[in-house]
PDB file of all heavy atoms in Angstrom:
ATOM      1  N   SER A   1      -5.839  21.322  16.323  1.00  0.00           N
ATOM      2  CA  SER A   1      -6.429  20.977  17.596  1.00  0.00           C
ATOM      3  C   SER A   1      -6.358  19.458  17.892  1.00  0.00           C
ATOM      4  O   SER A   1      -6.680  19.029  19.029  1.00  0.00           O
ATOM      5  CB  SER A   1      -7.884  21.406  17.641  1.00  0.00           C
ATOM      6  OG  SER A   1      -8.664  20.675  16.736  1.00  0.00           O
ATOM      7  N   GLY A   2      -6.072  18.653  16.894  1.00  0.00           N
ATOM      8  CA  GLY A   2      -6.022  17.230  17.075  1.00  0.00           C
ATOM      9  C   GLY A   2      -7.364  16.545  16.875  1.00  0.00           C
ATOM     10  O   GLY A   2      -7.486  15.339  17.112  1.00  0.00           O
ATOM     11  N   SER A   3      -8.393  17.311  16.504  1.00  0.00           N
ATOM     12  CA  SER A   3      -9.712  16.704  16.290  1.00  0.00           C
ATOM     13  C   SER A   3      -9.635  15.892  14.993  1.00  0.00           C
ATOM     14  O   SER A   3      -8.920  16.213  14.045  1.00  0.00           O
ATOM     15  CB  SER A   3     -10.788  17.779  16.184  1.00  0.00           C
ATOM     16  OG  SER A   3     -10.560  18.622  15.076  1.00  0.00           O
ATOM     17  N   THR A   4     -10.428  14.843  14.987  1.00  0.00           N
ATOM     18  CA  THR A   4     -10.445  13.986  13.811  1.00  0.00           C
ATOM     19  C   THR A   4     -11.497  14.462  12.815  1.00  0.00           C
ATOM     20  O   THR A   4     -12.513  14.957  13.189  1.00  0.00           O
ATOM     21  CB  THR A   4     -10.716  12.519  14.182  1.00  0.00           C
ATOM     22  OG1 THR A   4     -11.945  12.449  14.866  1.00  0.00           O
ATOM     23  CG2 THR A   4      -9.578  12.015  15.052  1.00  0.00           C
ATOM     24  N   MET A   5     -11.218  14.207  11.568  1.00  0.00           N
ATOM     25  CA  MET A   5     -12.095  14.657  10.521  1.00  0.00           C
ATOM     26  C   MET A   5     -13.294  13.680  10.402  1.00  0.00           C
ATOM     27  O   MET A   5     -14.415  14.114  10.155  1.00  0.00           O
ATOM     28  CB  MET A   5     -11.353  14.678   9.183  1.00  0.00           C
ATOM     29  CG  MET A   5     -12.108  15.283   8.038  1.00  0.00           C
ATOM     30  SD  MET A   5     -11.094  15.557   6.644  1.00  0.00           S
ATOM     31  CE  MET A   5     -10.851  13.918   6.045  1.00  0.00           C
ATOM     32  N   VAL A   6     -13.036  12.442  10.637  1.00  0.00           N
ATOM     33  CA  VAL A   6     -14.097  11.400  10.486  1.00  0.00           C
ATOM     34  C   VAL A   6     -14.033  10.499  11.745  1.00  0.00           C
ATOM     35  O   VAL A   6     -13.047  10.460  12.451  1.00  0.00           O
ATOM     36  CB  VAL A   6     -13.967  10.591   9.228  1.00  0.00           C
ATOM     37  CG1 VAL A   6     -14.244  11.404   7.993  1.00  0.00           C
ATOM     38  CG2 VAL A   6     -12.613   9.956   9.084  1.00  0.00           C
ATOM     39  N   ASP A   7     -15.084   9.751  11.928  1.00  0.00           N
ATOM     40  CA  ASP A   7     -15.123   8.809  13.049  1.00  0.00           C
ATOM     41  C   ASP A   7     -14.050   7.698  12.880  1.00  0.00           C
ATOM     42  O   ASP A   7     -13.684   7.370  11.775  1.00  0.00           O
ATOM     43  CB  ASP A   7     -16.522   8.195  13.097  1.00  0.00           C
ATOM     44  CG  ASP A   7     -16.724   7.311  14.332  1.00  0.00           C
ATOM     45  OD1 ASP A   7     -16.213   7.699  15.396  1.00  0.00           O
ATOM     46  OD2 ASP A   7     -17.333   6.248  14.174  1.00  0.00           O
ATOM     47  N   TYR A   8     -13.604   7.148  13.964  1.00  0.00           N
ATOM     48  CA  TYR A   8     -12.520   6.110  13.919  1.00  0.00           C
ATOM     49  C   TYR A   8     -13.004   4.873  13.136  1.00  0.00           C
ATOM     50  O   TYR A   8     -12.226   4.322  12.414  1.00  0.00           O
ATOM     51  CB  TYR A   8     -12.096   5.714  15.323  1.00  0.00           C
ATOM     52  CG  TYR A   8     -11.141   6.725  15.965  1.00  0.00           C
ATOM     53  CD1 TYR A   8     -11.649   7.413  17.086  1.00  0.00           C
ATOM     54  CD2 TYR A   8      -9.923   6.996  15.456  1.00  0.00           C
ATOM     55  CE1 TYR A   8     -10.822   8.378  17.675  1.00  0.00           C
ATOM     56  CE2 TYR A   8      -9.096   7.950  16.077  1.00  0.00           C
ATOM     57  CZ  TYR A   8      -9.576   8.627  17.171  1.00  0.00           C
ATOM     58  OH  TYR A   8      -8.760   9.555  17.746  1.00  0.00           O
ATOM     59  N   TRP A   9     -14.237   4.510  13.292  1.00  0.00           N
ATOM     60  CA  TRP A   9     -14.747   3.332  12.530  1.00  0.00           C
ATOM     61  C   TRP A   9     -14.724   3.598  11.061  1.00  0.00           C
ATOM     62  O   TRP A   9     -14.445   2.703  10.261  1.00  0.00           O
ATOM     63  CB  TRP A   9     -16.174   2.964  13.022  1.00  0.00           C
ATOM     64  CG  TRP A   9     -16.158   2.268  14.346  1.00  0.00           C
ATOM     65  CD1 TRP A   9     -16.500   2.758  15.540  1.00  0.00           C
ATOM     66  CD2 TRP A   9     -15.727   0.913  14.562  1.00  0.00           C
ATOM     67  NE1 TRP A   9     -16.318   1.836  16.532  1.00  0.00           N
ATOM     68  CE2 TRP A   9     -15.837   0.665  15.951  1.00  0.00           C
ATOM     69  CE3 TRP A   9     -15.235  -0.097  13.743  1.00  0.00           C
ATOM     70  CZ2 TRP A   9     -15.527  -0.554  16.517  1.00  0.00           C
ATOM     71  CZ3 TRP A   9     -14.949  -1.309  14.320  1.00  0.00           C
ATOM     72  CH2 TRP A   9     -15.063  -1.506  15.698  1.00  0.00           C
ATOM     73  N   GLN A  10     -15.055   4.796  10.668  1.00  0.00           N
ATOM     74  CA  GLN A  10     -15.013   5.127   9.231  1.00  0.00           C
ATOM     75  C   GLN A  10     -13.585   5.105   8.718  1.00  0.00           C
ATOM     76  O   GLN A  10     -13.358   4.673   7.571  1.00  0.00           O
ATOM     77  CB  GLN A  10     -15.660   6.494   9.010  1.00  0.00           C
ATOM     78  CG  GLN A  10     -17.150   6.484   9.205  1.00  0.00           C
ATOM     79  CD  GLN A  10     -17.735   7.898   9.137  1.00  0.00           C
ATOM     80  OE1 GLN A  10     -17.045   8.878   9.225  1.00  0.00           O
ATOM     81  NE2 GLN A  10     -19.051   7.941   8.898  1.00  0.00           N
ATOM     82  N   MET A  11     -12.651   5.561   9.496  1.00  0.00           N
ATOM     83  CA  MET A  11     -11.243   5.517   9.106  1.00  0.00           C
ATOM     84  C   MET A  11     -10.801   4.052   8.909  1.00  0.00           C
ATOM     85  O   MET A  11     -10.088   3.768   7.945  1.00  0.00           O
ATOM     86  CB  MET A  11     -10.348   6.227  10.128  1.00  0.00           C
ATOM     87  CG  MET A  11     -10.393   7.737  10.022  1.00  0.00           C
ATOM     88  SD  MET A  11      -9.028   8.498  10.872  1.00  0.00           S
ATOM     89  CE  MET A  11      -9.384   8.104  12.574  1.00  0.00           C
ATOM     90  N   ILE A  12     -11.189   3.195   9.859  1.00  0.00           N
ATOM     91  CA  ILE A  12     -10.785   1.789   9.735  1.00  0.00           C
ATOM     92  C   ILE A  12     -11.429   1.188   8.547  1.00  0.00           C
ATOM     93  O   ILE A  12     -10.736   0.443   7.761  1.00  0.00           O
ATOM     94  CB  ILE A  12     -11.219   1.044  11.062  1.00  0.00           C
ATOM     95  CG1 ILE A  12     -10.329   1.507  12.172  1.00  0.00           C
ATOM     96  CG2 ILE A  12     -11.049  -0.429  10.885  1.00  0.00           C
ATOM     97  CD1 ILE A  12     -10.777   0.978  13.570  1.00  0.00           C
ATOM     98  N   PHE A  13     -12.701   1.370   8.313  1.00  0.00           N
ATOM     99  CA  PHE A  13     -13.401   0.807   7.168  1.00  0.00           C
ATOM    100  C   PHE A  13     -12.849   1.344   5.828  1.00  0.00           C
ATOM    101  O   PHE A  13     -12.739   0.650   4.856  1.00  0.00           O
ATOM    102  CB  PHE A  13     -14.893   0.993   7.243  1.00  0.00           C
ATOM    103  CG  PHE A  13     -15.571   0.042   8.192  1.00  0.00           C
ATOM    104  CD1 PHE A  13     -16.422   0.542   9.138  1.00  0.00           C
ATOM    105  CD2 PHE A  13     -15.334  -1.315   8.147  1.00  0.00           C
ATOM    106  CE1 PHE A  13     -17.051  -0.335  10.032  1.00  0.00           C
ATOM    107  CE2 PHE A  13     -15.948  -2.181   9.001  1.00  0.00           C
ATOM    108  CZ  PHE A  13     -16.791  -1.690   9.947  1.00  0.00           C
ATOM    109  N   PHE A  14     -12.510   2.657   5.856  1.00  0.00           N
ATOM    110  CA  PHE A  14     -11.931   3.250   4.660  1.00  0.00           C
ATOM    111  C   PHE A  14     -10.628   2.537   4.271  1.00  0.00           C
ATOM    112  O   PHE A  14     -10.437   2.207   3.109  1.00  0.00           O
ATOM    113  CB  PHE A  14     -11.637   4.760   4.887  1.00  0.00           C
ATOM    114  CG  PHE A  14     -10.930   5.435   3.769  1.00  0.00           C
ATOM    115  CD1 PHE A  14     -11.620   5.801   2.625  1.00  0.00           C
ATOM    116  CD2 PHE A  14      -9.568   5.675   3.849  1.00  0.00           C
ATOM    117  CE1 PHE A  14     -10.933   6.410   1.569  1.00  0.00           C
ATOM    118  CE2 PHE A  14      -8.908   6.286   2.803  1.00  0.00           C
ATOM    119  CZ  PHE A  14      -9.624   6.626   1.656  1.00  0.00           C
ATOM    120  N   ASN A  15      -9.783   2.334   5.259  1.00  0.00           N
ATOM    121  CA  ASN A  15      -8.512   1.680   4.985  1.00  0.00           C
ATOM    122  C   ASN A  15      -8.643   0.197   4.715  1.00  0.00           C
ATOM    123  O   ASN A  15      -7.888  -0.336   3.901  1.00  0.00           O
ATOM    124  CB  ASN A  15      -7.552   1.969   6.141  1.00  0.00           C
ATOM    125  CG  ASN A  15      -6.109   2.038   5.689  1.00  0.00           C
ATOM    126  OD1 ASN A  15      -5.833   2.133   4.524  1.00  0.00           O
ATOM    127  ND2 ASN A  15      -5.178   2.030   6.629  1.00  0.00           N
ATOM    128  N   LEU A  16      -9.568  -0.464   5.381  1.00  0.00           N
ATOM    129  CA  LEU A  16      -9.677  -1.929   5.202  1.00  0.00           C
ATOM    130  C   LEU A  16     -10.434  -2.300   3.936  1.00  0.00           C
ATOM    131  O   LEU A  16      -9.985  -3.163   3.190  1.00  0.00           O
ATOM    132  CB  LEU A  16     -10.355  -2.533   6.422  1.00  0.00           C
ATOM    133  CG  LEU A  16      -9.500  -2.802   7.609  1.00  0.00           C
ATOM    134  CD1 LEU A  16     -10.339  -3.380   8.731  1.00  0.00           C
ATOM    135  CD2 LEU A  16      -8.411  -3.789   7.285  1.00  0.00           C
ATOM    136  N   PHE A  17     -11.573  -1.728   3.713  1.00  0.00           N
ATOM    137  CA  PHE A  17     -12.445  -2.202   2.688  1.00  0.00           C
ATOM    138  C   PHE A  17     -12.489  -1.365   1.455  1.00  0.00           C
ATOM    139  O   PHE A  17     -12.281  -1.856   0.320  1.00  0.00           O
ATOM    140  CB  PHE A  17     -13.877  -2.348   3.190  1.00  0.00           C
ATOM    141  CG  PHE A  17     -14.028  -3.321   4.349  1.00  0.00           C
ATOM    142  CD1 PHE A  17     -14.346  -2.874   5.595  1.00  0.00           C
ATOM    143  CD2 PHE A  17     -13.755  -4.672   4.151  1.00  0.00           C
ATOM    144  CE1 PHE A  17     -14.477  -3.816   6.620  1.00  0.00           C
ATOM    145  CE2 PHE A  17     -13.828  -5.538   5.156  1.00  0.00           C
ATOM    146  CZ  PHE A  17     -14.218  -5.135   6.424  1.00  0.00           C
ATOM    147  N   PHE A  18     -12.588  -0.061   1.585  1.00  0.00           N
ATOM    148  CA  PHE A  18     -12.812   0.785   0.441  1.00  0.00           C
ATOM    149  C   PHE A  18     -11.546   0.965  -0.405  1.00  0.00           C
ATOM    150  O   PHE A  18     -11.612   1.104  -1.580  1.00  0.00           O
ATOM    151  CB  PHE A  18     -13.347   2.138   0.851  1.00  0.00           C
ATOM    152  CG  PHE A  18     -14.652   2.062   1.590  1.00  0.00           C
ATOM    153  CD1 PHE A  18     -14.833   2.732   2.764  1.00  0.00           C
ATOM    154  CD2 PHE A  18     -15.689   1.292   1.141  1.00  0.00           C
ATOM    155  CE1 PHE A  18     -15.999   2.669   3.491  1.00  0.00           C
ATOM    156  CE2 PHE A  18     -16.827   1.179   1.815  1.00  0.00           C
ATOM    157  CZ  PHE A  18     -17.030   1.855   3.002  1.00  0.00           C
ATOM    158  N   THR A  19     -10.363   0.973   0.209  1.00  0.00           N
ATOM    159  CA  THR A  19      -9.195   1.174  -0.597  1.00  0.00           C
ATOM    160  C   THR A  19      -8.215   0.005  -0.560  1.00  0.00           C
ATOM    161  O   THR A  19      -7.179   0.031  -1.236  1.00  0.00           O
ATOM    162  CB  THR A  19      -8.415   2.450  -0.031  1.00  0.00           C
ATOM    163  OG1 THR A  19      -8.085   2.228   1.364  1.00  0.00           O
ATOM    164  CG2 THR A  19      -9.206   3.695  -0.205  1.00  0.00           C
ATOM    165  N   SER A  20      -8.507  -1.054   0.205  1.00  0.00           N
ATOM    166  CA  SER A  20      -7.598  -2.192   0.209  1.00  0.00           C
ATOM    167  C   SER A  20      -8.012  -3.277  -0.770  1.00  0.00           C
ATOM    168  O   SER A  20      -7.211  -4.015  -1.292  1.00  0.00           O
ATOM    169  CB  SER A  20      -7.463  -2.833   1.586  1.00  0.00           C
ATOM    170  OG  SER A  20      -6.827  -1.937   2.458  1.00  0.00           O
ATOM    171  N   VAL A  21      -9.321  -3.385  -0.987  1.00  0.00           N
ATOM    172  CA  VAL A  21      -9.819  -4.427  -1.900  1.00  0.00           C
ATOM    173  C   VAL A  21      -9.341  -4.240  -3.335  1.00  0.00           C
ATOM    174  O   VAL A  21      -8.872  -5.207  -4.001  1.00  0.00           O
ATOM    175  CB  VAL A  21     -11.343  -4.547  -1.800  1.00  0.00           C
ATOM    176  CG1 VAL A  21     -11.889  -5.497  -2.871  1.00  0.00           C
ATOM    177  CG2 VAL A  21     -11.755  -5.016  -0.387  1.00  0.00           C
ATOM    178  N   PRO A  22      -9.395  -3.053  -3.910  1.00  0.00           N
ATOM    179  CA  PRO A  22      -8.957  -2.868  -5.321  1.00  0.00           C
ATOM    180  C   PRO A  22      -7.469  -3.284  -5.511  1.00  0.00           C
ATOM    181  O   PRO A  22      -7.191  -4.043  -6.444  1.00  0.00           O
ATOM    182  CB  PRO A  22      -9.186  -1.366  -5.601  1.00  0.00           C
ATOM    183  CG  PRO A  22     -10.232  -1.013  -4.702  1.00  0.00           C
ATOM    184  CD  PRO A  22     -10.074  -1.820  -3.419  1.00  0.00           C
ATOM    185  N   PRO A  23      -6.494  -2.842  -4.670  1.00  0.00           N
ATOM    186  CA  PRO A  23      -5.113  -3.288  -4.962  1.00  0.00           C
ATOM    187  C   PRO A  23      -4.923  -4.747  -4.746  1.00  0.00           C
ATOM    188  O   PRO A  23      -4.113  -5.400  -5.415  1.00  0.00           O
ATOM    189  CB  PRO A  23      -4.286  -2.429  -4.016  1.00  0.00           C
ATOM    190  CG  PRO A  23      -5.155  -1.984  -2.983  1.00  0.00           C
ATOM    191  CD  PRO A  23      -6.525  -1.861  -3.579  1.00  0.00           C
ATOM    192  N   LEU A  24      -5.679  -5.383  -3.808  1.00  0.00           N
ATOM    193  CA  LEU A  24      -5.543  -6.830  -3.607  1.00  0.00           C
ATOM    194  C   LEU A  24      -6.077  -7.588  -4.802  1.00  0.00           C
ATOM    195  O   LEU A  24      -5.455  -8.556  -5.251  1.00  0.00           O
ATOM    196  CB  LEU A  24      -6.289  -7.248  -2.342  1.00  0.00           C
ATOM    197  CG  LEU A  24      -5.623  -6.835  -1.015  1.00  0.00           C
ATOM    198  CD1 LEU A  24      -6.485  -7.187   0.161  1.00  0.00           C
ATOM    199  CD2 LEU A  24      -4.229  -7.435  -0.859  1.00  0.00           C
ATOM    200  N   LEU A  25      -7.206  -7.161  -5.330  1.00  0.00           N
ATOM    201  CA  LEU A  25      -7.755  -7.788  -6.585  1.00  0.00           C
ATOM    202  C   LEU A  25      -6.794  -7.559  -7.746  1.00  0.00           C
ATOM    203  O   LEU A  25      -6.563  -8.465  -8.517  1.00  0.00           O
ATOM    204  CB  LEU A  25      -9.131  -7.269  -6.850  1.00  0.00           C
ATOM    205  CG  LEU A  25     -10.291  -7.720  -5.973  1.00  0.00           C
ATOM    206  CD1 LEU A  25     -11.561  -7.021  -6.315  1.00  0.00           C
ATOM    207  CD2 LEU A  25     -10.433  -9.204  -6.067  1.00  0.00           C
ATOM    208  N   PHE A  26      -6.333  -6.320  -7.859  1.00  0.00           N
ATOM    209  CA  PHE A  26      -5.374  -6.013  -8.958  1.00  0.00           C
ATOM    210  C   PHE A  26      -4.117  -6.860  -8.801  1.00  0.00           C
ATOM    211  O   PHE A  26      -3.561  -7.409  -9.750  1.00  0.00           O
ATOM    212  CB  PHE A  26      -5.066  -4.525  -8.833  1.00  0.00           C
ATOM    213  CG  PHE A  26      -4.152  -4.075  -9.904  1.00  0.00           C
ATOM    214  CD1 PHE A  26      -4.616  -3.873 -11.199  1.00  0.00           C
ATOM    215  CD2 PHE A  26      -2.840  -3.743  -9.621  1.00  0.00           C
ATOM    216  CE1 PHE A  26      -3.749  -3.430 -12.212  1.00  0.00           C
ATOM    217  CE2 PHE A  26      -1.952  -3.296 -10.680  1.00  0.00           C
ATOM    218  CZ  PHE A  26      -2.450  -3.132 -11.918  1.00  0.00           C
ATOM    219  N   GLY A  27      -3.628  -7.031  -7.563  1.00  0.00           N
ATOM    220  CA  GLY A  27      -2.410  -7.812  -7.323  1.00  0.00           C
ATOM    221  C   GLY A  27      -2.647  -9.311  -7.536  1.00  0.00           C
ATOM    222  O   GLY A  27      -1.666 -10.008  -7.778  1.00  0.00           O
ATOM    223  N   ALA A  28      -3.832  -9.772  -7.465  1.00  0.00           N
ATOM    224  CA  ALA A  28      -4.066 -11.209  -7.648  1.00  0.00           C
ATOM    225  C   ALA A  28      -4.469 -11.567  -9.065  1.00  0.00           C
ATOM    226  O   ALA A  28      -4.245 -12.678  -9.538  1.00  0.00           O
ATOM    227  CB  ALA A  28      -5.169 -11.651  -6.682  1.00  0.00           C
ATOM    228  N   LEU A  29      -5.084 -10.625  -9.810  1.00  0.00           N
ATOM    229  CA  LEU A  29      -5.630 -10.953 -11.113  1.00  0.00           C
ATOM    230  C   LEU A  29      -4.978 -10.321 -12.299  1.00  0.00           C
ATOM    231  O   LEU A  29      -5.302 -10.685 -13.418  1.00  0.00           O
ATOM    232  CB  LEU A  29      -7.142 -10.610 -11.086  1.00  0.00           C
ATOM    233  CG  LEU A  29      -7.991 -11.233 -10.007  1.00  0.00           C
ATOM    234  CD1 LEU A  29      -9.399 -10.718 -10.067  1.00  0.00           C
ATOM    235  CD2 LEU A  29      -7.964 -12.741 -10.150  1.00  0.00           C
ATOM    236  N   ASP A  30      -4.070  -9.395 -12.105  1.00  0.00           N
ATOM    237  CA  ASP A  30      -3.520  -8.658 -13.241  1.00  0.00           C
ATOM    238  C   ASP A  30      -2.540  -9.554 -14.038  1.00  0.00           C
ATOM    239  O   ASP A  30      -1.713 -10.291 -13.493  1.00  0.00           O
ATOM    240  CB  ASP A  30      -2.724  -7.446 -12.725  1.00  0.00           C
ATOM    241  CG  ASP A  30      -2.140  -6.630 -13.844  1.00  0.00           C
ATOM    242  OD1 ASP A  30      -2.856  -6.403 -14.838  1.00  0.00           O
ATOM    243  OD2 ASP A  30      -0.998  -6.216 -13.719  1.00  0.00           O
ATOM    244  N   LYS A  31      -2.670  -9.515 -15.349  1.00  0.00           N
ATOM    245  CA  LYS A  31      -1.749 -10.262 -16.236  1.00  0.00           C
ATOM    246  C   LYS A  31      -1.383  -9.250 -17.309  1.00  0.00           C
ATOM    247  O   LYS A  31      -2.130  -9.053 -18.294  1.00  0.00           O
ATOM    248  CB  LYS A  31      -2.479 -11.418 -16.848  1.00  0.00           C
ATOM    249  CG  LYS A  31      -2.825 -12.498 -15.841  1.00  0.00           C
ATOM    250  CD  LYS A  31      -3.492 -13.657 -16.500  1.00  0.00           C
ATOM    251  CE  LYS A  31      -3.886 -14.676 -15.397  1.00  0.00           C
ATOM    252  NZ  LYS A  31      -4.594 -15.814 -15.969  1.00  0.00           N
ATOM    253  N   ASP A  32      -0.223  -8.657 -17.191  1.00  0.00           N
ATOM    254  CA  ASP A  32       0.216  -7.622 -18.111  1.00  0.00           C
ATOM    255  C   ASP A  32       0.595  -8.117 -19.532  1.00  0.00           C
ATOM    256  O   ASP A  32       0.411  -7.453 -20.512  1.00  0.00           O
ATOM    257  CB  ASP A  32       1.348  -6.726 -17.537  1.00  0.00           C
ATOM    258  CG  ASP A  32       2.567  -7.606 -17.172  1.00  0.00           C
ATOM    259  OD1 ASP A  32       2.438  -8.848 -17.070  1.00  0.00           O
ATOM    260  OD2 ASP A  32       3.641  -7.030 -16.956  1.00  0.00           O
ATOM    261  N   VAL A  33       1.098  -9.356 -19.566  1.00  0.00           N
ATOM    262  CA  VAL A  33       1.459  -9.985 -20.842  1.00  0.00           C
ATOM    263  C   VAL A  33       0.926 -11.419 -20.800  1.00  0.00           C
ATOM    264  O   VAL A  33       0.915 -12.091 -19.764  1.00  0.00           O
ATOM    265  CB  VAL A  33       3.011  -9.990 -21.008  1.00  0.00           C
ATOM    266  CG1 VAL A  33       3.413 -10.589 -22.270  1.00  0.00           C
ATOM    267  CG2 VAL A  33       3.592  -8.595 -20.833  1.00  0.00           C
ATOM    268  N   SER A  34       0.522 -11.919 -21.955  1.00  0.00           N
ATOM    269  CA  SER A  34      -0.064 -13.244 -21.995  1.00  0.00           C
ATOM    270  C   SER A  34       1.017 -14.348 -21.758  1.00  0.00           C
ATOM    271  O   SER A  34       2.224 -14.084 -21.942  1.00  0.00           O
ATOM    272  CB  SER A  34      -0.724 -13.479 -23.380  1.00  0.00           C
ATOM    273  OG  SER A  34       0.278 -13.595 -24.363  1.00  0.00           O
ATOM    274  N   ALA A  35       0.588 -15.474 -21.334  1.00  0.00           N
ATOM    275  CA  ALA A  35       1.511 -16.582 -21.002  1.00  0.00           C
ATOM    276  C   ALA A  35       2.242 -17.029 -22.258  1.00  0.00           C
ATOM    277  O   ALA A  35       3.409 -17.328 -22.172  1.00  0.00           O
ATOM    278  CB  ALA A  35       0.714 -17.718 -20.419  1.00  0.00           C
ATOM    279  N   GLU A  36       1.592 -17.084 -23.371  1.00  0.00           N
ATOM    280  CA  GLU A  36       2.224 -17.515 -24.608  1.00  0.00           C
ATOM    281  C   GLU A  36       3.362 -16.542 -25.023  1.00  0.00           C
ATOM    282  O   GLU A  36       4.435 -16.983 -25.440  1.00  0.00           O
ATOM    283  CB  GLU A  36       1.198 -17.571 -25.778  1.00  0.00           C
ATOM    284  CG  GLU A  36       0.162 -18.625 -25.593  1.00  0.00           C
ATOM    285  CD  GLU A  36      -1.012 -18.189 -24.699  1.00  0.00           C
ATOM    286  OE1 GLU A  36      -1.178 -16.912 -24.484  1.00  0.00           O
ATOM    287  OE2 GLU A  36      -1.659 -19.060 -24.077  1.00  0.00           O
ATOM    288  N   THR A  37       3.111 -15.230 -24.851  1.00  0.00           N
ATOM    289  CA  THR A  37       4.196 -14.279 -25.152  1.00  0.00           C
ATOM    290  C   THR A  37       5.363 -14.382 -24.241  1.00  0.00           C
ATOM    291  O   THR A  37       6.540 -14.317 -24.643  1.00  0.00           O
ATOM    292  CB  THR A  37       3.600 -12.848 -25.079  1.00  0.00           C
ATOM    293  OG1 THR A  37       2.466 -12.753 -25.918  1.00  0.00           O
ATOM    294  CG2 THR A  37       4.615 -11.806 -25.501  1.00  0.00           C
TER     295      THR A  37
END
């Protein structure tokens, strides 16, 4: 029917805050191997 499951604001916040912050933090802080190695 084209009806939405959740409100548009919730969809925007879901995509912006709830699921975007973890990959951004992961992308900025991850160090898979030490600098010395």
